[in-house]
Amino acid sequence: MMLCLLALGTSAYAQQLPQYSQYILNRYVINPASAGSENYFVGQTNYRNQWAGIKDAPSTYILSVNGPISSNMGIGGYLFSDVTGPTRRNGFNFSYSYILQLNSELRLSMALNAGLLQYTVDGTEITFADESDNVISSAREDNLFPDAGFSLYLFGPNYFFGASAPQLIRNQLDFERSIQDPTGRLTNHYFITGGYTFEINDLFEVEPSLLLKYVSPVPLQYEFSVRGIYDNMAWLGLSYRKTDAIVLLAGYTLQDNISVGYSYDLIQSEIGNYSGGSHEIMLSVRFNRRKSTIAEEE
């Protein structure tokens, strides 16, 4: 349990946002500027059980909705809960995106997002081997503060490139009753995503994609994925996350509306000696389709 508090106290030096193996299937959570880039709304939920078999390992739940409100505007929002032992991170975010038509195919979306975050330390769930630790184990504390971010999303018929900066407000995490010398602070995160869909024939497509993550002073992290898609319905994929995991991906779309996805992380780091891997499931529903996109109106 003490590791959780140590992670909180040194949070300025580590990635604070949840990990998603199926980032390519929920681009909105990584980059809110993608809202409105398709001609339909999509509601999606993801659940991630990280490091199965390890007590108090991270678990993440997220529910999002996003889509177009006109030919050049999109909106969206998401709720999330991220739990690691006695620490919890809950909140919500809303976004607005504006889309520029650069040429007959290329479009650029720019988005602002804002919301509230709640960080919690529940001392009732902490047991210490050393009773002299300077922590009041019976204390429960909550920090509530605003959050904001900015993102860009450049896209065409079969490719996309995005850059996002969530958590721009570097709020101080102040847990005076449960930690004697709190030093945690929310840290700026920077994400870059990109992907291209190659059409092999009328039935098969191959979609490579890339996710780059940077949080100072941690070295740049990357994740590279490839999906093979059959008839816009079934897909299988493989992903590699630097120094962390090899990820197996699978999913299916029913009648172009309902999609389910599953991923399994084969952990390559030392923590794999103690864990059976990480699991993530996804369910999404498309609705309220528009008759035309920007490109069609030009």
C-alpha atoms as a PDB file:
ATOM      1  CA  MET A   1       0.000   0.000   0.000  1.00  0.00           C
ATOM      2  CA  MET A   2       2.807   2.401   0.840  1.00  0.00           C
ATOM      3  CA  LEU A   3       3.909   2.293  -2.799  1.00  0.00           C
ATOM      4  CA  CYS A   4       0.657   4.017  -3.766  1.00  0.00           C
ATOM      5  CA  LEU A   5       1.382   6.965  -1.497  1.00  0.00           C
ATOM      6  CA  LEU A   6       4.960   7.154  -2.657  1.00  0.00           C
ATOM      7  CA  ALA A   7       3.687   7.293  -6.227  1.00  0.00           C
ATOM      8  CA  LEU A   8       1.340  10.111  -5.245  1.00  0.00           C
ATOM      9  CA  GLY A   9       4.055  12.060  -3.473  1.00  0.00           C
ATOM     10  CA  THR A  10       6.352  11.869  -6.484  1.00  0.00           C
ATOM     11  CA  SER A  11       3.614  12.238  -9.071  1.00  0.00           C
ATOM     12  CA  ALA A  12       5.406  15.134 -10.753  1.00  0.00           C
ATOM     13  CA  TYR A  13       7.897  12.616 -12.106  1.00  0.00           C
ATOM     14  CA  ALA A  14       5.588   9.995 -13.578  1.00  0.00           C
ATOM     15  CA  GLN A  15       2.670   9.677 -15.941  1.00  0.00           C
ATOM     16  CA  GLN A  16      -0.496  10.516 -14.007  1.00  0.00           C
ATOM     17  CA  LEU A  17      -3.127   9.772 -16.664  1.00  0.00           C
ATOM     18  CA  PRO A  18      -4.474   6.242 -17.200  1.00  0.00           C
ATOM     19  CA  GLN A  19      -3.005   3.832 -19.742  1.00  0.00           C
ATOM     20  CA  TYR A  20      -5.228   2.607 -22.609  1.00  0.00           C
ATOM     21  CA  SER A  21      -4.208  -0.256 -24.871  1.00  0.00           C
ATOM     22  CA  GLN A  22      -7.127   0.454 -27.237  1.00  0.00           C
ATOM     23  CA  TYR A  23      -6.237   4.114 -27.792  1.00  0.00           C
ATOM     24  CA  ILE A  24      -6.850   3.749 -31.546  1.00  0.00           C
ATOM     25  CA  LEU A  25     -10.477   2.742 -30.855  1.00  0.00           C
ATOM     26  CA  ASN A  26     -11.200   5.681 -28.546  1.00  0.00           C
ATOM     27  CA  ARG A  27      -9.326   8.580 -30.089  1.00  0.00           C
ATOM     28  CA  TYR A  28     -11.558  11.101 -28.357  1.00  0.00           C
ATOM     29  CA  VAL A  29     -10.210  10.323 -24.873  1.00  0.00           C
ATOM     30  CA  ILE A  30      -6.628  10.887 -26.067  1.00  0.00           C
ATOM     31  CA  ASN A  31      -7.527  13.788 -28.364  1.00  0.00           C
ATOM     32  CA  PRO A  32     -10.827  15.693 -27.872  1.00  0.00           C
ATOM     33  CA  ALA A  33     -10.303  17.506 -31.194  1.00  0.00           C
ATOM     34  CA  SER A  34     -11.409  14.295 -32.940  1.00  0.00           C
ATOM     35  CA  ALA A  35     -15.001  15.099 -31.916  1.00  0.00           C
ATOM     36  CA  GLY A  36     -16.935  15.907 -35.086  1.00  0.00           C
ATOM     37  CA  SER A  37     -14.442  14.270 -37.446  1.00  0.00           C
ATOM     38  CA  GLU A  38     -16.956  11.514 -38.272  1.00  0.00           C
ATOM     39  CA  ASN A  39     -20.537  11.905 -39.522  1.00  0.00           C
ATOM     40  CA  TYR A  40     -22.060  10.265 -36.442  1.00  0.00           C
ATOM     41  CA  PHE A  41     -22.119  10.416 -32.670  1.00  0.00           C
ATOM     42  CA  VAL A  42     -20.486   7.599 -30.753  1.00  0.00           C
ATOM     43  CA  GLY A  43     -21.009   6.538 -27.157  1.00  0.00           C
ATOM     44  CA  GLN A  44     -18.230   4.371 -25.776  1.00  0.00           C
ATOM     45  CA  THR A  45     -17.171   2.714 -22.560  1.00  0.00           C
ATOM     46  CA  ASN A  46     -13.808   1.201 -21.671  1.00  0.00           C
ATOM     47  CA  TYR A  47     -12.812  -0.834 -18.638  1.00  0.00           C
ATOM     48  CA  ARG A  48      -9.169  -1.672 -17.934  1.00  0.00           C
ATOM     49  CA  ASN A  49      -7.892  -4.110 -15.295  1.00  0.00           C
ATOM     50  CA  GLN A  50      -4.159  -3.488 -15.162  1.00  0.00           C
ATOM     51  CA  TRP A  51      -1.646  -5.993 -13.771  1.00  0.00           C
ATOM     52  CA  ALA A  52      -4.159  -8.728 -12.964  1.00  0.00           C
ATOM     53  CA  GLY A  53      -3.216 -10.755  -9.902  1.00  0.00           C
ATOM     54  CA  ILE A  54      -1.573  -7.875  -8.041  1.00  0.00           C
ATOM     55  CA  LYS A  55      -3.501  -6.551  -5.055  1.00  0.00           C
ATOM     56  CA  ASP A  56      -4.640  -2.927  -5.396  1.00  0.00           C
ATOM     57  CA  ALA A  57      -3.385  -2.682  -8.990  1.00  0.00           C
ATOM     58  CA  PRO A  58      -4.874   0.106 -11.155  1.00  0.00           C
ATOM     59  CA  SER A  59      -8.365  -0.247 -12.603  1.00  0.00           C
ATOM     60  CA  THR A  60      -9.884   2.328 -14.928  1.00  0.00           C
ATOM     61  CA  TYR A  61     -13.438   2.951 -16.151  1.00  0.00           C
ATOM     62  CA  ILE A  62     -14.391   5.599 -18.696  1.00  0.00           C
ATOM     63  CA  LEU A  63     -17.604   6.581 -20.476  1.00  0.00           C
ATOM     64  CA  SER A  64     -17.510   9.025 -23.394  1.00  0.00           C
ATOM     65  CA  VAL A  65     -19.855  10.556 -25.997  1.00  0.00           C
ATOM     66  CA  ASN A  66     -18.820  12.744 -28.919  1.00  0.00           C
ATOM     67  CA  GLY A  67     -19.930  13.751 -32.397  1.00  0.00           C
ATOM     68  CA  PRO A  68     -20.759  16.596 -34.833  1.00  0.00           C
ATOM     69  CA  ILE A  69     -23.321  19.325 -34.135  1.00  0.00           C
ATOM     70  CA  SER A  70     -22.849  20.961 -37.555  1.00  0.00           C
ATOM     71  CA  SER A  71     -20.649  20.561 -40.620  1.00  0.00           C
ATOM     72  CA  ASN A  72     -17.721  22.277 -38.883  1.00  0.00           C
ATOM     73  CA  MET A  73     -18.261  21.844 -35.144  1.00  0.00           C
ATOM     74  CA  GLY A  74     -18.155  18.968 -32.687  1.00  0.00           C
ATOM     75  CA  ILE A  75     -18.828  18.432 -29.010  1.00  0.00           C
ATOM     76  CA  GLY A  76     -18.079  15.689 -26.534  1.00  0.00           C
ATOM     77  CA  GLY A  77     -17.580  14.710 -22.952  1.00  0.00           C
ATOM     78  CA  TYR A  78     -16.417  11.880 -20.759  1.00  0.00           C
ATOM     79  CA  LEU A  79     -16.616  10.604 -17.190  1.00  0.00           C
ATOM     80  CA  PHE A  80     -13.825   8.557 -15.674  1.00  0.00           C
ATOM     81  CA  SER A  81     -12.757   6.704 -12.537  1.00  0.00           C
ATOM     82  CA  ASP A  82      -9.184   5.560 -11.981  1.00  0.00           C
ATOM     83  CA  VAL A  83      -8.498   3.572  -8.795  1.00  0.00           C
ATOM     84  CA  THR A  84      -5.130   2.404  -7.466  1.00  0.00           C
ATOM     85  CA  GLY A  85      -5.316   0.957  -3.955  1.00  0.00           C
ATOM     86  CA  PRO A  86      -6.193   3.763  -1.512  1.00  0.00           C
ATOM     87  CA  THR A  87      -5.904   6.481  -4.169  1.00  0.00           C
ATOM     88  CA  ARG A  88      -8.693   7.470  -6.548  1.00  0.00           C
ATOM     89  CA  ARG A  89      -8.958   9.881  -9.454  1.00  0.00           C
ATOM     90  CA  ASN A  90     -12.470  10.732 -10.647  1.00  0.00           C
ATOM     91  CA  GLY A  91     -13.817  13.476 -12.826  1.00  0.00           C
ATOM     92  CA  PHE A  92     -15.442  14.686 -15.999  1.00  0.00           C
ATOM     93  CA  ASN A  93     -14.490  16.731 -19.048  1.00  0.00           C
ATOM     94  CA  PHE A  94     -16.397  18.526 -21.802  1.00  0.00           C
ATOM     95  CA  SER A  95     -15.001  19.708 -25.132  1.00  0.00           C
ATOM     96  CA  TYR A  96     -15.820  21.905 -28.108  1.00  0.00           C
ATOM     97  CA  SER A  97     -14.065  21.563 -31.464  1.00  0.00           C
ATOM     98  CA  TYR A  98     -14.036  23.763 -34.556  1.00  0.00           C
ATOM     99  CA  ILE A  99     -13.114  22.231 -37.923  1.00  0.00           C
ATOM    100  CA  LEU A 100     -11.421  24.035 -40.823  1.00  0.00           C
ATOM    101  CA  GLN A 101     -11.575  22.719 -44.392  1.00  0.00           C
ATOM    102  CA  LEU A 102      -7.997  23.024 -45.736  1.00  0.00           C
ATOM    103  CA  ASN A 103      -8.649  21.501 -49.162  1.00  0.00           C
ATOM    104  CA  SER A 104     -11.024  19.046 -50.826  1.00  0.00           C
ATOM    105  CA  GLU A 105      -9.953  16.229 -48.460  1.00  0.00           C
ATOM    106  CA  LEU A 106      -7.834  17.611 -45.626  1.00  0.00           C
ATOM    107  CA  ARG A 107      -9.446  19.060 -42.485  1.00  0.00           C
ATOM    108  CA  LEU A 108      -8.058  20.497 -39.269  1.00  0.00           C
ATOM    109  CA  SER A 109      -9.955  20.376 -35.988  1.00  0.00           C
ATOM    110  CA  MET A 110      -9.028  22.494 -32.948  1.00  0.00           C
ATOM    111  CA  ALA A 111     -10.541  21.842 -29.533  1.00  0.00           C
ATOM    112  CA  LEU A 112     -10.672  23.172 -26.014  1.00  0.00           C
ATOM    113  CA  ASN A 113     -11.724  20.949 -23.129  1.00  0.00           C
ATOM    114  CA  ALA A 114     -12.411  21.697 -19.483  1.00  0.00           C
ATOM    115  CA  GLY A 115     -13.708  19.857 -16.441  1.00  0.00           C
ATOM    116  CA  LEU A 116     -13.187  18.917 -12.825  1.00  0.00           C
ATOM    117  CA  LEU A 117     -10.828  16.414 -11.205  1.00  0.00           C
ATOM    118  CA  GLN A 118     -11.124  14.824  -7.787  1.00  0.00           C
ATOM    119  CA  TYR A 119      -8.133  13.121  -6.189  1.00  0.00           C
ATOM    120  CA  THR A 120      -8.781  11.041  -3.077  1.00  0.00           C
ATOM    121  CA  VAL A 121      -6.583   9.279  -0.531  1.00  0.00           C
ATOM    122  CA  ASP A 122      -8.535   6.846   1.654  1.00  0.00           C
ATOM    123  CA  GLY A 123      -6.452   6.207   4.762  1.00  0.00           C
ATOM    124  CA  THR A 124      -8.907   3.565   6.000  1.00  0.00           C
ATOM    125  CA  GLU A 125      -7.575   1.247   3.270  1.00  0.00           C
ATOM    126  CA  ILE A 126      -3.921   1.631   4.280  1.00  0.00           C
ATOM    127  CA  THR A 127      -2.025  -0.780   6.519  1.00  0.00           C
ATOM    128  CA  PHE A 128       1.556   0.078   7.507  1.00  0.00           C
ATOM    129  CA  ALA A 129       4.220  -2.325   8.684  1.00  0.00           C
ATOM    130  CA  ASP A 130       5.955   0.544  10.501  1.00  0.00           C
ATOM    131  CA  GLU A 131       3.560   2.366  12.837  1.00  0.00           C
ATOM    132  CA  SER A 132       5.987   5.293  13.024  1.00  0.00           C
ATOM    133  CA  ASP A 133       5.157   6.290   9.430  1.00  0.00           C
ATOM    134  CA  ASN A 134       4.107   9.953   9.359  1.00  0.00           C
ATOM    135  CA  VAL A 135       0.667   9.192   7.938  1.00  0.00           C
ATOM    136  CA  ILE A 136      -2.677   9.300   9.720  1.00  0.00           C
ATOM    137  CA  SER A 137      -4.123   6.044   8.444  1.00  0.00           C
ATOM    138  CA  SER A 138      -7.694   6.865   9.516  1.00  0.00           C
ATOM    139  CA  ALA A 139      -7.845  10.032   7.403  1.00  0.00           C
ATOM    140  CA  ARG A 140      -9.692  10.393   4.123  1.00  0.00           C
ATOM    141  CA  GLU A 141      -8.978  13.455   2.025  1.00  0.00           C
ATOM    142  CA  ASP A 142     -10.328  14.792  -1.248  1.00  0.00           C
ATOM    143  CA  ASN A 143      -8.851  17.412  -3.559  1.00  0.00           C
ATOM    144  CA  LEU A 144     -11.204  18.973  -6.115  1.00  0.00           C
ATOM    145  CA  PHE A 145      -9.931  21.378  -8.754  1.00  0.00           C
ATOM    146  CA  PRO A 146     -10.491  22.485 -12.381  1.00  0.00           C
ATOM    147  CA  ASP A 147      -8.714  21.018 -15.378  1.00  0.00           C
ATOM    148  CA  ALA A 148      -8.285  22.159 -18.988  1.00  0.00           C
ATOM    149  CA  GLY A 149      -6.591  21.066 -22.194  1.00  0.00           C
ATOM    150  CA  PHE A 150      -6.026  21.902 -25.856  1.00  0.00           C
ATOM    151  CA  SER A 151      -5.774  19.622 -28.888  1.00  0.00           C
ATOM    152  CA  LEU A 152      -5.354  19.575 -32.676  1.00  0.00           C
ATOM    153  CA  TYR A 153      -6.533  16.867 -35.077  1.00  0.00           C
ATOM    154  CA  LEU A 154      -5.565  16.824 -38.770  1.00  0.00           C
ATOM    155  CA  PHE A 155      -7.441  14.232 -40.823  1.00  0.00           C
ATOM    156  CA  GLY A 156      -8.455  13.022 -44.256  1.00  0.00           C
ATOM    157  CA  PRO A 157     -10.393  10.073 -45.696  1.00  0.00           C
ATOM    158  CA  ASN A 158      -7.879   7.417 -44.609  1.00  0.00           C
ATOM    159  CA  TYR A 159      -5.352   9.089 -42.295  1.00  0.00           C
ATOM    160  CA  PHE A 160      -5.094  11.247 -39.186  1.00  0.00           C
ATOM    161  CA  PHE A 161      -2.523  13.083 -37.076  1.00  0.00           C
ATOM    162  CA  GLY A 162      -3.220  14.582 -33.678  1.00  0.00           C
ATOM    163  CA  ALA A 163      -1.514  16.468 -30.859  1.00  0.00           C
ATOM    164  CA  SER A 164      -3.052  17.050 -27.439  1.00  0.00           C
ATOM    165  CA  ALA A 165      -2.059  18.620 -24.138  1.00  0.00           C
ATOM    166  CA  PRO A 166      -4.410  17.612 -21.294  1.00  0.00           C
ATOM    167  CA  GLN A 167      -3.958  18.660 -17.688  1.00  0.00           C
ATOM    168  CA  LEU A 168      -2.610  22.130 -18.527  1.00  0.00           C
ATOM    169  CA  ILE A 169      -3.495  23.520 -15.091  1.00  0.00           C
ATOM    170  CA  ARG A 170      -0.706  22.314 -12.791  1.00  0.00           C
ATOM    171  CA  ASN A 171      -2.721  22.132  -9.572  1.00  0.00           C
ATOM    172  CA  GLN A 172      -1.026  21.307  -6.288  1.00  0.00           C
ATOM    173  CA  LEU A 173      -2.112  18.047  -4.607  1.00  0.00           C
ATOM    174  CA  ASP A 174      -2.476  19.000  -0.954  1.00  0.00           C
ATOM    175  CA  PHE A 175      -3.087  16.097   1.466  1.00  0.00           C
ATOM    176  CA  GLU A 176      -2.013  17.732   4.745  1.00  0.00           C
ATOM    177  CA  ARG A 177      -3.965  15.415   7.042  1.00  0.00           C
ATOM    178  CA  SER A 178      -2.855  12.117   5.511  1.00  0.00           C
ATOM    179  CA  ILE A 179       0.688  12.897   4.337  1.00  0.00           C
ATOM    180  CA  GLN A 180       3.055  15.020   6.420  1.00  0.00           C
ATOM    181  CA  ASP A 181       4.999  16.566   3.523  1.00  0.00           C
ATOM    182  CA  PRO A 182       2.815  16.492   0.408  1.00  0.00           C
ATOM    183  CA  THR A 183       4.732  17.520  -2.722  1.00  0.00           C
ATOM    184  CA  GLY A 184       2.513  16.170  -5.490  1.00  0.00           C
ATOM    185  CA  ARG A 185       1.471  18.376  -8.386  1.00  0.00           C
ATOM    186  CA  LEU A 186      -0.436  17.711 -11.596  1.00  0.00           C
ATOM    187  CA  THR A 187       2.049  17.587 -14.456  1.00  0.00           C
ATOM    188  CA  ASN A 188       1.705  18.628 -18.085  1.00  0.00           C
ATOM    189  CA  HIS A 189       1.238  15.705 -20.474  1.00  0.00           C
ATOM    190  CA  TYR A 190       1.757  15.763 -24.239  1.00  0.00           C
ATOM    191  CA  PHE A 191       0.335  13.167 -26.658  1.00  0.00           C
ATOM    192  CA  ILE A 192       0.919  12.741 -30.389  1.00  0.00           C
ATOM    193  CA  THR A 193      -1.100  10.222 -32.397  1.00  0.00           C
ATOM    194  CA  GLY A 194      -1.167   9.245 -36.036  1.00  0.00           C
ATOM    195  CA  GLY A 195      -2.430   6.528 -38.305  1.00  0.00           C
ATOM    196  CA  TYR A 196      -3.055   5.497 -41.910  1.00  0.00           C
ATOM    197  CA  THR A 197      -5.479   2.968 -43.387  1.00  0.00           C
ATOM    198  CA  PHE A 198      -4.171   0.981 -46.366  1.00  0.00           C
ATOM    199  CA  GLU A 199      -6.828  -0.623 -48.548  1.00  0.00           C
ATOM    200  CA  ILE A 200      -5.504  -4.029 -49.652  1.00  0.00           C
ATOM    201  CA  ASN A 201      -8.644  -4.944 -51.608  1.00  0.00           C
ATOM    202  CA  ASP A 202     -12.419  -4.589 -51.305  1.00  0.00           C
ATOM    203  CA  LEU A 203     -12.476  -6.652 -48.104  1.00  0.00           C
ATOM    204  CA  PHE A 204      -9.162  -6.162 -46.316  1.00  0.00           C
ATOM    205  CA  GLU A 205      -7.520  -3.092 -44.771  1.00  0.00           C
ATOM    206  CA  VAL A 206      -4.354  -2.661 -42.726  1.00  0.00           C
ATOM    207  CA  GLU A 207      -4.149   0.190 -40.218  1.00  0.00           C
ATOM    208  CA  PRO A 208      -0.807   1.065 -38.582  1.00  0.00           C
ATOM    209  CA  SER A 209      -0.907   3.721 -35.857  1.00  0.00           C
ATOM    210  CA  LEU A 210       1.445   5.412 -33.402  1.00  0.00           C
ATOM    211  CA  LEU A 211       1.069   7.005 -29.977  1.00  0.00           C
ATOM    212  CA  LEU A 212       3.838   9.154 -28.453  1.00  0.00           C
ATOM    213  CA  LYS A 213       3.661  10.268 -24.805  1.00  0.00           C
ATOM    214  CA  TYR A 214       5.873  12.776 -23.030  1.00  0.00           C
ATOM    215  CA  VAL A 215       5.841  13.788 -19.371  1.00  0.00           C
ATOM    216  CA  SER A 216       8.914  15.684 -18.143  1.00  0.00           C
ATOM    217  CA  PRO A 217      11.433  14.462 -17.057  1.00  0.00           C
ATOM    218  CA  VAL A 218      10.488  10.874 -18.044  1.00  0.00           C
ATOM    219  CA  PRO A 219      11.966   9.816 -21.431  1.00  0.00           C
ATOM    220  CA  LEU A 220       9.651   9.869 -24.441  1.00  0.00           C
ATOM    221  CA  GLN A 221       7.397   6.798 -24.513  1.00  0.00           C
ATOM    222  CA  TYR A 222       5.911   5.287 -27.647  1.00  0.00           C
ATOM    223  CA  GLU A 223       3.368   2.670 -28.663  1.00  0.00           C
ATOM    224  CA  PHE A 224       3.077   1.241 -32.185  1.00  0.00           C
ATOM    225  CA  SER A 225       0.056  -0.769 -33.321  1.00  0.00           C
ATOM    226  CA  VAL A 226      -1.102  -2.579 -36.445  1.00  0.00           C
ATOM    227  CA  ARG A 227      -4.666  -3.779 -37.080  1.00  0.00           C
ATOM    228  CA  GLY A 228      -5.913  -6.010 -39.866  1.00  0.00           C
ATOM    229  CA  ILE A 229      -9.582  -5.249 -40.655  1.00  0.00           C
ATOM    230  CA  TYR A 230     -11.918  -7.538 -42.582  1.00  0.00           C
ATOM    231  CA  ASP A 231     -14.936  -6.043 -44.367  1.00  0.00           C
ATOM    232  CA  ASN A 232     -15.142  -3.159 -41.844  1.00  0.00           C
ATOM    233  CA  MET A 233     -16.401  -5.685 -39.303  1.00  0.00           C
ATOM    234  CA  ALA A 234     -13.755  -7.884 -37.655  1.00  0.00           C
ATOM    235  CA  TRP A 235     -10.227  -6.953 -36.686  1.00  0.00           C
ATOM    236  CA  LEU A 236      -7.120  -8.468 -35.154  1.00  0.00           C
ATOM    237  CA  GLY A 237      -4.103  -6.470 -34.111  1.00  0.00           C
ATOM    238  CA  LEU A 238      -0.773  -6.321 -32.360  1.00  0.00           C
ATOM    239  CA  SER A 239       0.782  -3.472 -30.418  1.00  0.00           C
ATOM    240  CA  TYR A 240       4.167  -2.829 -28.828  1.00  0.00           C
ATOM    241  CA  ARG A 241       4.567  -0.438 -25.901  1.00  0.00           C
ATOM    242  CA  LYS A 242       8.163   0.570 -25.202  1.00  0.00           C
ATOM    243  CA  THR A 243       9.761  -1.374 -22.304  1.00  0.00           C
ATOM    244  CA  ASP A 244       6.313  -2.374 -21.078  1.00  0.00           C
ATOM    245  CA  ALA A 245       4.142  -4.783 -23.045  1.00  0.00           C
ATOM    246  CA  ILE A 246       3.139  -6.552 -26.224  1.00  0.00           C
ATOM    247  CA  VAL A 247      -0.610  -6.173 -26.713  1.00  0.00           C
ATOM    248  CA  LEU A 248      -3.029  -8.478 -28.514  1.00  0.00           C
ATOM    249  CA  LEU A 249      -6.126  -6.775 -29.975  1.00  0.00           C
ATOM    250  CA  ALA A 250      -9.401  -8.187 -31.294  1.00  0.00           C
ATOM    251  CA  GLY A 251     -12.859  -6.828 -32.030  1.00  0.00           C
ATOM    252  CA  TYR A 252     -16.036  -6.952 -34.074  1.00  0.00           C
ATOM    253  CA  THR A 253     -18.567  -4.431 -35.396  1.00  0.00           C
ATOM    254  CA  LEU A 254     -22.208  -5.458 -35.827  1.00  0.00           C
ATOM    255  CA  GLN A 255     -24.239  -3.785 -38.596  1.00  0.00           C
ATOM    256  CA  ASP A 256     -21.846  -0.805 -38.652  1.00  0.00           C
ATOM    257  CA  ASN A 257     -23.300   0.413 -35.330  1.00  0.00           C
ATOM    258  CA  ILE A 258     -22.229  -1.649 -32.322  1.00  0.00           C
ATOM    259  CA  SER A 259     -18.577  -2.525 -31.720  1.00  0.00           C
ATOM    260  CA  VAL A 260     -16.917  -4.653 -29.072  1.00  0.00           C
ATOM    261  CA  GLY A 261     -13.180  -4.875 -28.503  1.00  0.00           C
ATOM    262  CA  TYR A 262     -10.769  -6.715 -26.235  1.00  0.00           C
ATOM    263  CA  SER A 263      -7.058  -6.366 -25.568  1.00  0.00           C
ATOM    264  CA  TYR A 264      -4.599  -8.368 -23.511  1.00  0.00           C
ATOM    265  CA  ASP A 265      -1.203  -7.022 -22.437  1.00  0.00           C
ATOM    266  CA  LEU A 266       1.688  -9.475 -22.289  1.00  0.00           C
ATOM    267  CA  ILE A 267       3.845  -7.614 -19.790  1.00  0.00           C
ATOM    268  CA  GLN A 268       7.522  -7.403 -20.700  1.00  0.00           C
ATOM    269  CA  SER A 269       8.767  -5.431 -17.684  1.00  0.00           C
ATOM    270  CA  GLU A 270       9.765  -6.961 -14.335  1.00  0.00           C
ATOM    271  CA  ILE A 271       6.260  -6.576 -12.979  1.00  0.00           C
ATOM    272  CA  GLY A 272       5.292  -9.386 -15.356  1.00  0.00           C
ATOM    273  CA  ASN A 273       6.882 -11.787 -12.855  1.00  0.00           C
ATOM    274  CA  TYR A 274       4.016 -11.030 -10.458  1.00  0.00           C
ATOM    275  CA  SER A 275       1.080 -10.328 -12.788  1.00  0.00           C
ATOM    276  CA  GLY A 276      -0.976 -12.364 -15.226  1.00  0.00           C
ATOM    277  CA  GLY A 277      -1.180  -9.419 -17.626  1.00  0.00           C
ATOM    278  CA  SER A 278      -3.610  -6.565 -18.215  1.00  0.00           C
ATOM    279  CA  HIS A 279      -7.132  -6.804 -19.673  1.00  0.00           C
ATOM    280  CA  GLU A 280      -9.193  -4.129 -21.385  1.00  0.00           C
ATOM    281  CA  ILE A 281     -12.685  -4.321 -22.870  1.00  0.00           C
ATOM    282  CA  MET A 282     -14.535  -1.784 -25.019  1.00  0.00           C
ATOM    283  CA  LEU A 283     -18.140  -1.300 -26.139  1.00  0.00           C
ATOM    284  CA  SER A 284     -19.251   1.481 -28.482  1.00  0.00           C
ATOM    285  CA  VAL A 285     -22.507   2.474 -30.184  1.00  0.00           C
ATOM    286  CA  ARG A 286     -22.847   4.819 -33.167  1.00  0.00           C
ATOM    287  CA  PHE A 287     -26.002   6.928 -33.497  1.00  0.00           C
ATOM    288  CA  ASN A 288     -27.487  10.137 -34.919  1.00  0.00           C
ATOM    289  CA  ARG A 289     -25.711   9.908 -38.271  1.00  0.00           C
ATOM    290  CA  ARG A 290     -25.502  13.077 -40.389  1.00  0.00           C
ATOM    291  CA  LYS A 291     -26.269  12.961 -44.090  1.00  0.00           C
ATOM    292  CA  SER A 292     -23.095  14.718 -45.152  1.00  0.00           C
ATOM    293  CA  THR A 293     -19.594  15.653 -44.022  1.00  0.00           C
ATOM    294  CA  ILE A 294     -17.722  18.859 -44.714  1.00  0.00           C
ATOM    295  CA  ALA A 295     -15.946  17.312 -47.671  1.00  0.00           C
ATOM    296  CA  GLU A 296     -19.269  16.319 -49.221  1.00  0.00           C
ATOM    297  CA  GLU A 297     -20.644  19.845 -48.852  1.00  0.00           C
ATOM    298  CA  GLU A 298     -17.718  21.497 -50.645  1.00  0.00           C
END
